Amino acid sequence: MRKVSQAIYDRIDNGVYAVQSDQWWQPESAWYQMTVTFNPARVGYAKRKLIEELKFDPKATSALEVGCGGGFLTEEIARMGFATTGVDPSERSIRVAADHARQSGLDILYLTGAGESLPFEDRSFGAVFCCDVLEHVRDLPKVISEISRVLKPGGAFYYDTLNRTWASLLGAIKIGQVWKRWAFFPPNLHVWRMFIKPGEMKSLLRQNGLEWKDHRGTMPDVPIPRLLGYLRKRAKGEWTYGELAGRVRMIESRITAVMYMGYAVKKDPSGADADPKKLERRDG
């Protein structure tokens, strides 16, 4: 898989994350619904795979979130016990994230930077998280290469993204952002051509020394007809985003046709098995 053309990349409006940065943590905003709706499944999966199955000790592991935005997932990573760093290209979003972390009593280091050129030394982190980001970058191979570079041997890369299928074209693009009857995101938030098939993701991981381990889909916890009814109420102004988020959660599923999450482990060039307990924190 190659980086997308400039013509396709120009169709996506990544600037919306900076423009709306003051709304990241407002309960009635479109962005805040993401933490309520998506984080439980993301965090539950990450805990099960990284901590329970891989036996990572968060208190002895440094973690990075690439594309942290206002810090929704970053704060959850910190609450798991990881020594946490967040990086994002939007200075405004970074300021919002840092302010909210201080107000929440969380020790998180936030830096401005892009996934294509991460401002860290090789082998800096024991875990890297990247959610709702990979489908927004122009040079995906470079981003995966950079994530592998800053990840320690034996470290884990956790991600989620959108699959490029007809189901995602209907659900994420048409219903999610084009058809005003139901749309709940800006019209140019995503570009379908930039979605990533699981096979493409596996290939990129393999090319960068990352051993793919698992993929799981995510889906709403309510039937689709009921979900459409909920979205219609929000679009008509009968419900706020907060009221919508209070009625819908994303849950794990075997179906990866629209959204999926997964993880990979960086191979040790020496061929030795890495000890998760030795993936030291940034301060230790």
Protein backbone atom coordinates (compact mmCIF):
# COMPACT_ATOMS: atom_id res chain seq x y z
CA MET A 1 0.00 0.00 0.00
CA ARG A 2 1.36 3.43 -1.00
CA LYS A 3 0.67 6.93 0.24
CA VAL A 4 -2.47 8.43 -1.25
CA SER A 5 -2.33 11.01 -4.02
CA GLN A 6 -2.46 14.69 -3.16
CA ALA A 7 -5.81 14.97 -4.98
CA ILE A 8 -7.41 12.37 -2.70
CA TYR A 9 -5.75 13.72 0.43
CA ASP A 10 -7.01 17.24 -0.33
CA ARG A 11 -10.58 15.95 -0.04
CA ILE A 12 -10.22 15.23 3.69
CA ASP A 13 -10.63 18.03 6.22
CA ASN A 14 -8.12 17.29 8.97
CA GLY A 15 -8.20 20.96 9.90
CA VAL A 16 -11.52 20.39 11.61
CA TYR A 17 -9.65 18.88 14.57
CA ALA A 18 -7.82 22.17 15.18
CA VAL A 19 -10.80 24.41 14.49
CA GLN A 20 -12.95 22.48 16.93
CA SER A 21 -10.24 21.99 19.55
CA ASP A 22 -12.07 24.05 22.15
CA GLN A 23 -14.96 21.56 21.96
CA TRP A 24 -12.98 18.38 22.65
CA TRP A 25 -14.24 17.97 26.21
CA GLN A 26 -17.65 19.64 25.97
CA PRO A 27 -20.26 16.94 26.72
CA GLU A 28 -22.63 18.18 24.00
CA SER A 29 -20.04 18.24 21.20
CA ALA A 30 -19.70 15.75 18.35
CA TRP A 31 -16.15 14.97 19.51
CA TYR A 32 -16.97 14.15 23.10
CA GLN A 33 -19.38 11.43 22.00
CA MET A 34 -16.33 9.54 20.72
CA THR A 35 -14.92 9.02 24.20
CA VAL A 36 -18.25 7.82 25.57
CA THR A 37 -19.15 5.65 22.59
CA PHE A 38 -15.79 4.21 21.48
CA ASN A 39 -13.43 4.19 24.46
CA PRO A 40 -15.02 1.36 26.46
CA ALA A 41 -14.44 -1.15 23.64
CA ARG A 42 -10.98 0.20 22.82
CA VAL A 43 -9.80 0.22 26.42
CA GLY A 44 -11.30 -3.17 27.24
CA TYR A 45 -9.63 -4.78 24.24
CA ALA A 46 -6.28 -3.12 24.96
CA LYS A 47 -6.31 -4.23 28.59
CA ARG A 48 -7.14 -7.81 27.65
CA LYS A 49 -4.53 -8.11 24.94
CA LEU A 50 -1.64 -6.08 26.33
CA ILE A 51 -1.98 -6.61 30.05
CA GLU A 52 -3.75 -9.95 30.45
CA GLU A 53 -2.40 -11.86 27.44
CA LEU A 54 0.99 -10.24 26.74
CA LYS A 55 1.56 -9.71 30.48
CA PHE A 56 2.72 -6.11 30.14
CA ASP A 57 3.23 -4.32 33.45
CA PRO A 58 1.85 -0.78 32.77
CA LYS A 59 3.76 0.64 35.72
CA ALA A 60 7.01 -0.47 34.10
CA THR A 61 6.10 0.47 30.51
CA SER A 62 6.20 3.74 28.58
CA ALA A 63 3.35 4.31 26.13
CA LEU A 64 2.81 6.71 23.24
CA GLU A 65 -0.43 7.72 21.57
CA VAL A 66 0.03 8.91 17.98
CA GLY A 67 -2.62 11.43 16.94
CA CYS A 68 -3.92 12.01 20.45
CA GLY A 69 -6.18 14.97 19.63
CA GLY A 70 -7.73 16.36 22.79
CA GLY A 71 -6.55 13.42 24.89
CA PHE A 72 -9.63 11.18 25.14
CA LEU A 73 -7.77 7.90 24.79
CA THR A 74 -4.50 9.28 26.16
CA GLU A 75 -6.05 9.79 29.57
CA GLU A 76 -7.39 6.23 29.58
CA ILE A 77 -3.90 4.94 28.75
CA ALA A 78 -2.50 6.91 31.68
CA ARG A 79 -5.21 5.54 33.97
CA MET A 80 -4.14 2.01 33.04
CA GLY A 81 -0.82 2.88 34.68
CA PHE A 82 1.41 3.51 31.65
CA ALA A 83 3.90 6.39 31.67
CA THR A 84 2.09 8.18 28.86
CA THR A 85 3.05 10.56 26.07
CA GLY A 86 0.68 12.00 23.47
CA VAL A 87 1.65 13.55 20.15
CA ASP A 88 -0.54 15.39 17.63
CA PRO A 89 0.07 17.86 14.76
CA SER A 90 -2.54 20.32 16.11
CA GLU A 91 -1.01 22.71 18.64
CA ARG A 92 -4.46 23.83 19.75
CA SER A 93 -5.56 20.27 20.46
CA ILE A 94 -2.34 19.60 22.37
CA ARG A 95 -2.99 22.63 24.57
CA VAL A 96 -6.52 21.43 25.28
CA ALA A 97 -5.27 17.92 26.09
CA ALA A 98 -2.53 19.19 28.41
CA ASP A 99 -4.91 21.52 30.25
CA HIS A 100 -7.47 18.76 30.77
CA ALA A 101 -4.82 16.32 31.99
CA ARG A 102 -3.66 18.83 34.60
CA GLN A 103 -7.23 19.41 35.73
CA SER A 104 -7.68 15.63 36.01
CA GLY A 105 -4.48 15.17 38.01
CA LEU A 106 -2.85 13.02 35.31
CA ASP A 107 0.88 13.14 34.53
CA ILE A 108 0.92 13.05 30.72
CA LEU A 109 3.58 14.51 28.44
CA TYR A 110 2.08 16.16 25.35
CA LEU A 111 4.12 17.20 22.30
CA THR A 112 3.33 18.60 18.87
CA GLY A 113 4.38 16.28 16.05
CA ALA A 114 3.19 14.28 13.06
CA GLY A 115 3.01 10.51 12.65
CA GLU A 116 5.23 10.67 9.58
CA SER A 117 8.09 12.14 11.64
CA LEU A 118 7.74 11.28 15.32
CA PRO A 119 9.92 13.45 17.59
CA PHE A 120 11.40 10.54 19.55
CA GLU A 121 14.51 8.40 19.50
CA ASP A 122 14.54 4.81 18.27
CA ARG A 123 13.12 2.24 20.71
CA SER A 124 11.62 4.83 23.06
CA PHE A 125 8.32 3.13 23.97
CA GLY A 126 7.07 -0.24 25.12
CA ALA A 127 3.61 0.36 23.65
CA VAL A 128 2.22 2.61 20.91
CA PHE A 129 -1.49 3.38 20.46
CA CYS A 130 -3.02 4.88 17.32
CA CYS A 131 -6.81 5.12 17.09
CA ASP A 132 -9.04 6.97 14.61
CA VAL A 133 -5.90 8.29 12.91
CA LEU A 134 -4.47 5.91 10.29
CA GLU A 135 -7.32 6.61 7.85
CA HIS A 136 -6.47 10.34 8.04
CA VAL A 137 -2.78 10.31 7.06
CA ARG A 138 -1.43 10.73 3.54
CA ASP A 139 1.66 8.55 3.90
CA LEU A 140 0.44 5.52 5.84
CA PRO A 141 3.55 3.38 5.13
CA LYS A 142 5.73 6.13 6.62
CA VAL A 143 3.56 6.37 9.74
CA ILE A 144 3.76 2.62 10.33
CA SER A 145 7.51 2.75 9.75
CA GLU A 146 7.88 5.54 12.33
CA ILE A 147 5.75 3.67 14.87
CA SER A 148 7.96 0.61 14.45
CA ARG A 149 11.08 2.74 14.79
CA VAL A 150 10.09 4.23 18.17
CA LEU A 151 8.78 0.91 19.50
CA LYS A 152 11.07 -1.33 21.55
CA PRO A 153 11.58 -4.98 20.52
CA GLY A 154 8.81 -6.96 22.16
CA GLY A 155 6.67 -3.83 22.39
CA ALA A 156 3.05 -3.73 21.22
CA PHE A 157 1.35 -1.57 18.61
CA TYR A 158 -2.40 -1.19 19.22
CA TYR A 159 -4.62 0.47 16.57
CA ASP A 160 -8.09 0.84 15.19
CA THR A 161 -9.26 2.08 11.80
CA LEU A 162 -11.96 1.82 9.14
CA ASN A 163 -12.20 -0.94 6.55
CA ARG A 164 -12.59 -0.02 2.86
CA THR A 165 -15.77 -1.92 2.00
CA TRP A 166 -19.21 -1.15 0.63
CA ALA A 167 -20.52 -1.46 4.19
CA SER A 168 -18.19 1.30 5.39
CA LEU A 169 -19.06 3.46 2.38
CA LEU A 170 -22.71 3.22 3.40
CA GLY A 171 -22.27 3.40 7.16
CA ALA A 172 -19.29 5.65 7.80
CA ILE A 173 -19.53 7.93 4.75
CA LYS A 174 -23.12 8.16 3.54
CA ILE A 175 -24.96 7.78 6.86
CA GLY A 176 -22.16 9.14 9.04
CA GLN A 177 -21.36 12.35 7.21
CA VAL A 178 -23.20 12.88 3.89
CA TRP A 179 -26.91 12.17 4.29
CA LYS A 180 -28.20 15.01 6.48
CA ARG A 181 -31.13 12.92 7.65
CA TRP A 182 -28.71 10.97 9.88
CA ALA A 183 -25.22 12.54 9.59
CA PHE A 184 -23.40 13.13 12.87
CA PHE A 185 -19.95 14.22 11.59
CA PRO A 186 -18.73 16.96 9.19
CA PRO A 187 -19.07 16.04 5.48
CA ASN A 188 -15.32 15.78 4.79
CA LEU A 189 -14.11 14.16 8.00
CA HIS A 190 -13.33 10.87 6.22
CA VAL A 191 -12.52 9.91 2.64
CA TRP A 192 -13.51 6.33 1.77
CA ARG A 193 -10.50 5.80 -0.53
CA MET A 194 -8.23 6.30 2.50
CA PHE A 195 -9.81 3.49 4.52
CA ILE A 196 -7.56 0.47 5.09
CA LYS A 197 -8.35 -3.17 4.39
CA PRO A 198 -7.15 -5.64 7.06
CA GLY A 199 -4.93 -7.39 4.52
CA GLU A 200 -3.24 -4.09 3.66
CA MET A 201 -2.65 -3.44 7.34
CA LYS A 202 -1.11 -6.88 7.86
CA SER A 203 1.22 -6.32 4.91
CA LEU A 204 2.41 -2.96 6.24
CA LEU A 205 3.01 -4.43 9.68
CA ARG A 206 5.03 -7.30 8.23
CA GLN A 207 7.14 -4.94 6.09
CA ASN A 208 8.09 -2.99 9.21
CA GLY A 209 9.07 -5.83 11.52
CA LEU A 210 5.74 -5.96 13.34
CA GLU A 211 4.13 -9.36 13.88
CA TRP A 212 0.36 -9.12 13.49
CA LYS A 213 -1.59 -10.87 16.23
CA ASP A 214 -5.32 -10.15 16.05
CA HIS A 215 -8.18 -8.19 14.52
CA ARG A 216 -11.61 -7.62 16.05
CA GLY A 217 -14.48 -5.63 14.62
CA THR A 218 -16.55 -3.04 16.44
CA MET A 219 -20.24 -2.35 16.01
CA PRO A 220 -23.09 -0.51 17.78
CA ASP A 221 -24.77 -2.28 20.68
CA VAL A 222 -28.23 -1.48 19.29
CA PRO A 223 -29.96 -2.81 16.13
CA ILE A 224 -29.36 -0.73 13.00
CA PRO A 225 -33.02 0.40 12.60
CA ARG A 226 -33.02 1.68 16.19
CA LEU A 227 -29.65 3.37 15.64
CA LEU A 228 -30.99 5.17 12.57
CA GLY A 229 -33.90 6.37 14.67
CA TYR A 230 -31.51 7.70 17.29
CA LEU A 231 -29.41 9.47 14.65
CA ARG A 232 -32.55 11.01 13.16
CA LYS A 233 -33.53 12.45 16.54
CA ARG A 234 -30.06 14.00 16.87
CA ALA A 235 -30.14 15.39 13.33
CA LYS A 236 -33.57 16.97 13.93
CA GLY A 237 -32.34 18.61 17.12
CA GLU A 238 -34.57 16.53 19.39
CA TRP A 239 -31.48 15.02 21.04
CA THR A 240 -28.06 16.48 21.76
CA TYR A 241 -24.83 14.63 21.04
CA GLY A 242 -24.64 13.86 24.73
CA GLU A 243 -28.06 12.24 24.70
CA LEU A 244 -27.12 10.22 21.64
CA ALA A 245 -23.87 9.04 23.24
CA GLY A 246 -25.79 8.01 26.34
CA ARG A 247 -27.80 5.48 24.34
CA VAL A 248 -25.20 3.89 22.04
CA ARG A 249 -21.93 2.07 22.73
CA MET A 250 -19.53 0.39 20.35
CA ILE A 251 -18.82 -3.22 21.27
CA GLU A 252 -16.46 -5.93 20.05
CA SER A 253 -17.64 -8.07 17.16
CA ARG A 254 -16.30 -10.73 14.81
CA ILE A 255 -17.52 -8.50 11.94
CA THR A 256 -14.75 -6.23 10.64
CA ALA A 257 -16.60 -4.86 7.60
CA VAL A 258 -16.84 -1.27 8.90
CA MET A 259 -14.44 -0.77 11.81
CA TYR A 260 -11.78 -2.98 13.32
CA MET A 261 -9.09 -2.87 15.97
CA GLY A 262 -6.01 -4.98 16.40
CA TYR A 263 -2.48 -5.24 17.66
CA ALA A 264 0.98 -6.37 16.63
CA VAL A 265 4.26 -7.03 18.43
CA LYS A 266 7.64 -5.75 17.28
CA LYS A 267 10.02 -8.56 16.52
CA ASP A 268 13.40 -8.69 18.25
CA PRO A 269 16.13 -8.55 15.56
CA SER A 270 18.25 -10.87 17.68
CA GLY A 271 15.54 -13.50 17.59
CA ALA A 272 15.26 -13.56 21.38
CA ASP A 273 11.91 -13.27 23.11
CA ALA A 274 11.54 -9.88 24.77
CA ASP A 275 10.46 -9.71 28.39
CA PRO A 276 7.48 -7.31 28.76
CA LYS A 277 8.72 -6.48 32.27
CA LYS A 278 11.84 -4.98 30.70
CA LEU A 279 9.97 -2.48 28.51
CA GLU A 280 10.98 0.31 30.87
CA ARG A 281 9.12 3.55 31.40
CA ARG A 282 10.52 6.76 30.02
CA ASP A 283 11.57 7.81 33.54
CA GLY A 284 13.07 4.56 34.61
